[in-house]
Protein backbone atom coordinates (compact mmCIF):
# COMPACT_ATOMS: atom_id res chain seq x y z
CA UNK A 1 126.39 136.52 86.04
CA UNK A 2 128.18 133.27 86.94
CA UNK A 3 128.61 130.72 84.18
CA UNK A 4 126.68 127.99 86.00
CA UNK A 5 123.34 129.86 86.22
CA UNK A 6 122.07 128.69 82.81
CA UNK A 7 123.03 125.13 83.73
CA UNK A 8 121.10 125.36 87.02
CA UNK A 9 118.09 126.73 85.16
CA UNK A 10 118.17 123.85 82.68
CA UNK A 11 118.52 121.27 85.45
CA UNK A 12 115.60 122.74 87.41
CA UNK A 13 113.39 122.75 84.29
CA UNK A 14 114.19 119.08 83.65
CA UNK A 15 113.42 118.20 87.27
CA UNK A 16 110.05 119.98 87.13
CA UNK A 17 109.14 118.27 83.84
CA UNK A 18 109.99 114.87 85.32
CA UNK A 19 108.09 115.61 88.53
CA UNK A 20 105.01 116.87 86.68
CA UNK A 21 104.94 113.82 84.40
CA UNK A 22 105.42 111.41 87.29
CA UNK A 23 102.68 113.01 89.38
CA UNK A 24 100.28 113.15 86.42
CA UNK A 25 100.76 109.51 85.50
CA UNK A 26 100.18 108.50 89.13
CA UNK A 27 96.83 110.32 88.97
CA UNK A 28 95.83 109.03 85.50
CA UNK A 29 96.22 112.50 83.97
CA UNK A 30 97.96 113.68 80.78
CA UNK A 31 101.68 113.41 81.57
CA UNK A 32 102.84 115.52 78.62
CA UNK A 33 100.57 118.46 79.40
CA UNK A 34 101.39 118.48 83.10
CA UNK A 35 105.10 118.07 82.38
CA UNK A 36 105.08 121.12 80.10
CA UNK A 37 103.01 123.02 82.65
CA UNK A 38 105.52 122.15 85.35
CA UNK A 39 108.40 123.34 83.17
CA UNK A 40 106.77 126.67 82.34
CA UNK A 41 105.22 127.40 85.72
CA UNK A 42 106.40 125.10 88.56
CA UNK A 43 103.64 126.18 91.03
CA UNK A 44 101.13 124.46 88.72
CA UNK A 45 102.42 121.21 90.23
CA UNK A 46 100.72 122.21 93.48
CA UNK A 47 97.40 122.12 91.62
CA UNK A 48 98.19 118.66 90.30
CA UNK A 49 99.19 117.51 93.77
CA UNK A 50 95.75 118.51 95.11
CA UNK A 51 93.75 116.84 92.30
CA UNK A 52 92.23 113.48 93.00
CA UNK A 53 93.19 110.53 90.79
CA UNK A 54 90.85 109.86 87.88
CA UNK A 55 88.91 106.63 87.91
CA UNK A 56 89.27 104.25 84.96
CA UNK A 57 85.98 105.43 83.47
CA UNK A 58 86.93 109.11 83.77
CA UNK A 59 90.32 108.41 82.25
CA UNK A 60 88.71 106.72 79.27
CA UNK A 61 86.41 109.69 78.73
CA UNK A 62 89.37 112.12 78.68
CA UNK A 63 91.49 109.93 76.38
CA UNK A 64 91.44 110.82 72.69
CA UNK A 65 89.53 108.39 70.50
CA UNK A 66 91.55 106.12 68.24
CA UNK A 67 90.26 106.51 64.70
């Protein structure tokens, strides 16, 4: 196994985390959850790509309440 394979794996994971977070924030979704999902299973980003953006009211309903 070439030495650079682990490095390529790490770089691809970072790219998928960044892409998932960026796409989620553009659609008013949870960036952390979609970033982790993109890191663990990159095809999940296709699901995010097909989701419609949340409206402001829907985003407020999904946001955790501040105590």
